[in-house]
C-alpha atoms as a PDB file:
ATOM      1  CA  MET A   1       0.098   0.215  -0.145  1.00  0.00           C
ATOM      2  CA  VAL A   2       1.710   3.294  -0.964  1.00  0.00           C
ATOM      3  CA  LYS A   3       1.258   5.909   2.013  1.00  0.00           C
ATOM      4  CA  LYS A   4      -0.418   9.979   0.943  1.00  0.00           C
ATOM      5  CA  GLN A   5       2.316  12.417   0.861  1.00  0.00           C
ATOM      6  CA  THR A   6       1.430  15.450   2.713  1.00  0.00           C
ATOM      7  CA  SER A   7       2.134  18.917   0.723  1.00  0.00           C
ATOM      8  CA  LEU A   8       4.705  21.229   2.321  1.00  0.00           C
ATOM      9  CA  SER A   9       1.423  23.504   2.274  1.00  0.00           C
ATOM     10  CA  THR A  10      -0.643  21.847   4.503  1.00  0.00           C
ATOM     11  CA  LEU A  11       2.482  21.089   6.776  1.00  0.00           C
ATOM     12  CA  ARG A  12       3.299  24.252   7.438  1.00  0.00           C
ATOM     13  CA  MET A  13      -0.486  25.552   7.504  1.00  0.00           C
ATOM     14  CA  GLU A  14      -0.929  22.773  10.290  1.00  0.00           C
ATOM     15  CA  LYS A  15       1.576  24.282  12.226  1.00  0.00           C
ATOM     16  CA  GLY A  16      -0.040  27.835  11.893  1.00  0.00           C
ATOM     17  CA  LEU A  17       2.918  29.434  10.075  1.00  0.00           C
ATOM     18  CA  SER A  18       2.872  31.484   7.244  1.00  0.00           C
ATOM     19  CA  GLN A  19       5.668  31.058   4.460  1.00  0.00           C
ATOM     20  CA  ARG A  20       8.023  34.088   6.128  1.00  0.00           C
ATOM     21  CA  GLU A  21       8.010  32.654   9.478  1.00  0.00           C
ATOM     22  CA  LEU A  22       8.819  28.538   7.749  1.00  0.00           C
ATOM     23  CA  ALA A  23      11.190  30.143   6.029  1.00  0.00           C
ATOM     24  CA  ASN A  24      12.870  31.818   9.194  1.00  0.00           C
ATOM     25  CA  ALA A  25      12.395  29.288  11.324  1.00  0.00           C
ATOM     26  CA  LEU A  26      14.603  27.266   8.470  1.00  0.00           C
ATOM     27  CA  ASN A  27      16.675  30.106   8.086  1.00  0.00           C
ATOM     28  CA  PHE A  28      15.681  29.936   4.242  1.00  0.00           C
ATOM     29  CA  SER A  29      14.955  33.415   2.548  1.00  0.00           C
ATOM     30  CA  ALA A  30      11.773  35.112   2.523  1.00  0.00           C
ATOM     31  CA  GLY A  31      10.001  33.731  -0.262  1.00  0.00           C
ATOM     32  CA  ILE A  32      11.891  30.615  -1.077  1.00  0.00           C
ATOM     33  CA  ILE A  33       9.073  28.536   0.830  1.00  0.00           C
ATOM     34  CA  GLY A  34       6.131  29.946  -1.635  1.00  0.00           C
ATOM     35  CA  LEU A  35       8.353  29.225  -4.733  1.00  0.00           C
ATOM     36  CA  TYR A  36       8.678  25.274  -2.860  1.00  0.00           C
ATOM     37  CA  GLU A  37       5.124  25.271  -2.879  1.00  0.00           C
ATOM     38  CA  THR A  38       3.697  26.431  -6.153  1.00  0.00           C
ATOM     39  CA  GLY A  39       6.168  24.343  -8.015  1.00  0.00           C
ATOM     40  CA  LYS A  40       8.596  27.263  -9.293  1.00  0.00           C
ATOM     41  CA  ARG A  41      11.359  25.800  -7.364  1.00  0.00           C
ATOM     42  CA  THR A  42      11.883  22.419  -6.855  1.00  0.00           C
ATOM     43  CA  PRO A  43      14.632  22.199  -3.060  1.00  0.00           C
ATOM     44  CA  SER A  44      17.891  20.524  -2.919  1.00  0.00           C
ATOM     45  CA  LEU A  45      18.391  17.677  -1.183  1.00  0.00           C
ATOM     46  CA  LYS A  46      19.569  19.198   1.344  1.00  0.00           C
ATOM     47  CA  ASN A  47      16.769  21.399   2.345  1.00  0.00           C
ATOM     48  CA  ALA A  48      14.475  19.103   1.763  1.00  0.00           C
ATOM     49  CA  LYS A  49      16.177  16.718   4.346  1.00  0.00           C
ATOM     50  CA  ILE A  50      16.166  20.356   6.760  1.00  0.00           C
ATOM     51  CA  ILE A  51      12.070  20.576   6.135  1.00  0.00           C
ATOM     52  CA  ALA A  52      11.600  16.728   6.944  1.00  0.00           C
ATOM     53  CA  ASN A  53      13.632  17.304   9.883  1.00  0.00           C
ATOM     54  CA  TYR A  54      11.605  20.228  11.118  1.00  0.00           C
ATOM     55  CA  PHE A  55       8.302  18.748  10.794  1.00  0.00           C
ATOM     56  CA  ASP A  56       9.287  15.462  12.063  1.00  0.00           C
ATOM     57  CA  VAL A  57       8.279  13.856   9.050  1.00  0.00           C
ATOM     58  CA  ALA A  58      10.134  11.037   6.669  1.00  0.00           C
ATOM     59  CA  LEU A  59      11.356  12.668   3.610  1.00  0.00           C
ATOM     60  CA  GLU A  60       9.414  10.623   1.410  1.00  0.00           C
ATOM     61  CA  ASP A  61       6.162  11.944   3.326  1.00  0.00           C
ATOM     62  CA  ILE A  62       6.580  15.482   1.914  1.00  0.00           C
ATOM     63  CA  SER A  63       4.932  16.207  -1.440  1.00  0.00           C
ATOM     64  CA  PHE A  64       6.803  19.442  -3.094  1.00  0.00           C
ATOM     65  CA  ALA A  65       4.686  21.216  -5.667  1.00  0.00           C
ATOM     66  CA  ASN A  66       1.942  19.261  -5.529  1.00  0.00           C
ATOM     67  CA  ASN A  67       3.277  15.958  -5.663  1.00  0.00           C
ATOM     68  CA  LYS A  68       4.903  16.548  -9.070  1.00  0.00           C
ATOM     69  CA  TRP A  69       7.945  15.012  -8.267  1.00  0.00           C
ATOM     70  CA  PHE A  70       9.412  12.838  -5.997  1.00  0.00           C
ATOM     71  CA  ILE A  71      13.024  11.684  -4.702  1.00  0.00           C
ATOM     72  CA  VAL A  72      14.370   8.383  -4.844  1.00  0.00           C
ATOM     73  CA  TRP A  73      17.464   7.859  -2.878  1.00  0.00           C
ATOM     74  CA  PHE A  74      20.483   5.750  -3.882  1.00  0.00           C
ATOM     75  CA  GLY A  75      23.774   4.492  -2.076  1.00  0.00           C
ATOM     76  CA  GLY A  76      27.513   5.899  -3.438  1.00  0.00           C
ATOM     77  CA  GLY A  77      27.174   9.742  -4.111  1.00  0.00           C
ATOM     78  CA  THR A  78      30.041  11.564  -2.173  1.00  0.00           C
ATOM     79  CA  ASP A  79      28.118  12.591   0.568  1.00  0.00           C
ATOM     80  CA  GLY A  80      27.312   8.648   1.100  1.00  0.00           C
ATOM     81  CA  ASN A  81      23.625   9.502  -0.779  1.00  0.00           C
ATOM     82  CA  THR A  82      22.798  10.666  -4.076  1.00  0.00           C
ATOM     83  CA  CYS A  83      19.327  11.388  -5.242  1.00  0.00           C
ATOM     84  CA  ASP A  84      17.107  11.162  -8.517  1.00  0.00           C
ATOM     85  CA  GLU A  85      14.801  13.776  -9.160  1.00  0.00           C
ATOM     86  CA  ARG A  86      11.802  11.672 -11.363  1.00  0.00           C
ATOM     87  CA  TRP A  87       8.444  12.921 -12.565  1.00  0.00           C
ATOM     88  CA  ASN A  88       5.130  11.417 -12.063  1.00  0.00           C
END
């Protein structure tokens, strides 16, 4: 059974945060959360991990930009992990 992902905007709103408040809490630039939520930007793997940790959810449980992409993990990158972005 496939677990349903939760959008970044839903996670943010459930905590009662504005986009700016979340950006400040994560030490991100002010407008980046809106860009992630609308799909105009895709977070780097590093930023996606920061967001997942903040909300205490698994990275694969977050939907960025209305579930348009997901992350598949592979071992062996320079930091021990690499990432392959694939479109649904």
